[in-house]
């Protein structure tokens, strides 16, 4: 509030009672002084919640969501298989080149404080078969020959050969347990 004091109009004077036989004198009309409500120093004073000021609200600030090649802001837990770990958060499906770039971005940013993230080879990928927490689907591996790469399908652990340019699977980035 910008005023030092607020004034409140007093209650209206009562009307004369016609049965009383006389005029009722009303007290002189004086404003009632109400002291201002103190505002905590750590809070800026503004309109009361739900009050309308006639002004449009300030636009909410938005942050750009991380790209798929960037690790999530809040790290999820890891899924472990033997000496290897993989993030439980998955990258989107893409081609094999994109999957390698995604794992390289995890390595560059030392995702979860772990260095040496890489795309899994077929044996590493199969080690995650039937591990709790692995989401079902196809995962790219490093095995590639003549424009085709192996995709391991988890949780079964089966594999198929897929053209490396096809957006057919997700990256399975692995690192040695910290």
Protein backbone atom coordinates (compact mmCIF):
# COMPACT_ATOMS: atom_id res chain seq x y z
CA UNK A 1 0.00 0.00 0.00
CA UNK A 2 1.44 3.39 -0.87
CA UNK A 3 -0.61 5.40 1.65
CA UNK A 4 0.64 5.79 5.19
CA UNK A 5 -2.90 5.57 6.54
CA UNK A 6 -6.15 4.26 5.18
CA UNK A 7 -9.48 5.85 5.95
CA UNK A 8 -12.72 3.96 6.27
CA UNK A 9 -16.08 5.61 6.15
CA UNK A 10 -18.01 5.10 9.38
CA UNK A 11 -21.27 3.23 9.38
CA UNK A 12 -24.16 5.39 8.24
CA UNK A 13 -26.00 7.17 11.01
CA UNK A 14 -29.18 5.46 12.13
CA UNK A 15 -32.41 6.95 10.79
CA UNK A 16 -34.68 8.67 13.32
CA UNK A 17 -37.11 6.30 14.98
CA UNK A 18 -40.58 7.63 14.20
CA UNK A 19 -42.01 5.93 17.32
CA UNK A 20 -39.53 7.56 19.67
CA UNK A 21 -41.13 10.92 19.19
CA UNK A 22 -37.98 12.86 18.78
CA UNK A 23 -35.12 13.44 16.46
CA UNK A 24 -32.08 11.31 16.86
CA UNK A 25 -28.85 13.17 16.78
CA UNK A 26 -26.16 11.51 14.72
CA UNK A 27 -22.55 11.64 15.75
CA UNK A 28 -20.38 13.92 13.65
CA UNK A 29 -19.07 12.21 10.53
CA UNK A 30 -15.34 11.61 11.07
CA UNK A 31 -13.20 9.07 9.30
CA UNK A 32 -11.89 6.12 11.25
CA UNK A 33 -8.12 5.81 11.00
CA UNK A 34 -6.77 2.29 10.40
CA UNK A 35 -3.00 1.76 10.67
CA UNK A 36 -1.33 0.20 7.61
CA UNK A 37 -0.59 -3.52 7.63
CA UNK A 38 3.15 -4.13 7.88
CA UNK A 39 4.71 -5.82 4.84
CA UNK A 40 7.58 -8.26 5.42
CA UNK A 41 10.87 -6.96 4.04
CA UNK A 42 11.41 -10.03 1.90
CA UNK A 43 8.12 -9.57 0.09
CA UNK A 44 7.21 -6.84 -2.32
CA UNK A 45 3.83 -5.34 -1.72
CA UNK A 46 1.28 -5.92 -4.44
CA UNK A 47 -2.41 -6.52 -4.87
CA UNK A 48 -4.09 -9.05 -2.64
CA UNK A 49 -4.40 -12.57 -4.05
CA UNK A 50 -7.36 -12.74 -6.38
CA UNK A 51 -7.64 -8.94 -6.62
CA UNK A 52 -7.90 -7.41 -10.04
CA UNK A 53 -5.85 -4.35 -10.74
CA UNK A 54 -6.99 -3.68 -14.29
CA UNK A 55 -3.47 -4.36 -15.51
CA UNK A 56 -2.57 -7.37 -17.58
CA UNK A 57 -0.41 -9.88 -15.74
CA UNK A 58 3.24 -9.98 -16.68
CA UNK A 59 3.98 -12.81 -19.10
CA UNK A 60 5.38 -15.89 -17.43
CA UNK A 61 8.99 -16.50 -18.14
CA UNK A 62 9.63 -19.74 -19.92
CA UNK A 63 12.76 -21.70 -20.26
CA UNK A 64 13.69 -23.56 -23.37
CA UNK A 65 13.34 -27.28 -22.79
CA UNK A 66 16.54 -29.23 -23.19
CA UNK A 67 17.10 -30.74 -26.58
CA UNK A 68 17.06 -34.48 -26.78
CA UNK A 69 20.86 -34.55 -27.12
CA UNK A 70 21.16 -32.71 -23.79
CA UNK A 71 20.73 -34.68 -20.59
CA UNK A 72 17.63 -33.89 -18.50
CA UNK A 73 17.96 -31.15 -15.86
CA UNK A 74 16.89 -33.42 -13.00
CA UNK A 75 18.87 -36.62 -13.29
CA UNK A 76 16.88 -39.81 -12.96
CA UNK A 77 18.32 -42.89 -11.32
CA UNK A 78 20.59 -45.24 -13.16
CA UNK A 79 19.84 -48.79 -14.24
CA UNK A 80 22.70 -51.20 -13.60
CA UNK A 81 23.70 -54.45 -15.25
CA UNK A 82 26.94 -55.94 -13.99
CA UNK A 83 29.64 -53.26 -14.15
CA UNK A 84 27.61 -51.07 -16.55
CA UNK A 85 25.01 -48.39 -15.92
CA UNK A 86 22.58 -46.62 -18.22
CA UNK A 87 20.27 -43.68 -17.45
CA UNK A 88 16.65 -44.66 -16.97
CA UNK A 89 15.68 -41.53 -18.93
CA UNK A 90 15.66 -42.36 -22.60
CA UNK A 91 16.59 -40.29 -25.59
CA UNK A 92 14.07 -40.12 -28.39
CA UNK A 93 14.12 -42.55 -31.28
CA UNK A 94 16.45 -41.55 -34.07
CA UNK A 95 19.03 -42.91 -36.45
CA UNK A 96 22.30 -44.53 -35.36
CA UNK A 97 24.39 -41.39 -35.97
CA UNK A 98 22.05 -39.39 -33.72
CA UNK A 99 22.30 -42.12 -31.04
CA UNK A 100 26.11 -41.84 -31.05
CA UNK A 101 25.86 -38.03 -30.74
CA UNK A 102 23.43 -38.35 -27.83
CA UNK A 103 25.85 -40.57 -25.90
CA UNK A 104 28.74 -38.24 -26.76
CA UNK A 105 26.73 -35.32 -25.28
CA UNK A 106 26.26 -37.29 -22.04
CA UNK A 107 30.02 -37.89 -21.95
CA UNK A 108 30.90 -34.27 -22.71
CA UNK A 109 28.59 -33.01 -19.93
CA UNK A 110 29.71 -35.71 -17.47
CA UNK A 111 26.09 -36.67 -16.98
CA UNK A 112 25.41 -37.65 -13.34
CA UNK A 113 29.09 -37.01 -12.66
CA UNK A 114 30.07 -39.98 -14.79
CA UNK A 115 32.58 -39.77 -17.62
CA UNK A 116 33.07 -42.12 -20.56
CA UNK A 117 29.46 -42.53 -21.74
CA UNK A 118 29.26 -44.38 -25.05
CA UNK A 119 26.80 -46.19 -27.26
CA UNK A 120 26.60 -49.84 -26.17
CA UNK A 121 28.03 -52.65 -28.28
CA UNK A 122 25.70 -55.64 -28.93
CA UNK A 123 26.98 -57.68 -25.95
CA UNK A 124 26.66 -54.71 -23.58
CA UNK A 125 23.14 -54.04 -24.86
CA UNK A 126 22.12 -57.69 -24.41
CA UNK A 127 23.36 -57.58 -20.81
CA UNK A 128 20.45 -55.24 -20.06
CA UNK A 129 17.91 -57.82 -21.27
CA UNK A 130 15.36 -58.57 -18.56
CA UNK A 131 16.86 -55.97 -16.19
CA UNK A 132 14.19 -54.23 -14.13
CA UNK A 133 13.56 -50.67 -15.24
CA UNK A 134 14.54 -51.04 -18.89
CA UNK A 135 11.76 -49.82 -21.10
CA UNK A 136 10.78 -52.19 -23.89
CA UNK A 137 11.89 -51.23 -27.37
CA UNK A 138 14.74 -51.16 -29.85
CA UNK A 139 18.16 -49.78 -28.89
CA UNK A 140 21.00 -48.88 -31.28
CA UNK A 141 24.38 -50.53 -30.84
CA UNK A 142 27.81 -49.69 -32.22
CA UNK A 143 27.85 -52.71 -34.55
CA UNK A 144 27.52 -51.43 -38.10
CA UNK A 145 28.44 -52.84 -41.49
CA UNK A 146 27.61 -51.64 -45.03
CA UNK A 147 25.09 -49.02 -43.94
CA UNK A 148 23.27 -51.28 -41.50
CA UNK A 149 23.56 -51.55 -37.71
CA UNK A 150 22.37 -53.97 -35.08
CA UNK A 151 19.40 -52.97 -32.98
CA UNK A 152 18.87 -54.93 -29.77
CA UNK A 153 15.25 -55.31 -28.71
CA UNK A 154 14.87 -55.21 -24.95
CA UNK A 155 13.77 -56.84 -22.71
CA UNK A 156 13.99 -59.97 -24.91
CA UNK A 157 17.54 -59.36 -26.12
CA UNK A 158 16.82 -60.25 -29.74
CA UNK A 159 18.60 -58.27 -32.46
CA UNK A 160 17.91 -57.17 -36.00
CA UNK A 161 19.88 -55.39 -38.69
CA UNK A 162 18.49 -51.96 -39.53
CA UNK A 163 19.63 -49.28 -41.99
CA UNK A 164 21.65 -46.70 -40.00
CA UNK A 165 19.63 -43.82 -41.51
CA UNK A 166 16.30 -45.16 -40.24
CA UNK A 167 14.80 -43.56 -37.13
CA UNK A 168 14.13 -46.97 -35.70
CA UNK A 169 15.57 -47.12 -32.19
CA UNK A 170 16.72 -45.22 -29.11
CA UNK A 171 20.28 -44.80 -27.91
CA UNK A 172 21.48 -47.15 -25.19
CA UNK A 173 24.26 -45.14 -23.58
CA UNK A 174 26.40 -47.04 -21.10
CA UNK A 175 29.27 -46.25 -18.75
CA UNK A 176 31.24 -48.18 -16.17
CA UNK A 177 29.69 -48.07 -12.68
CA UNK A 178 31.13 -45.23 -10.63
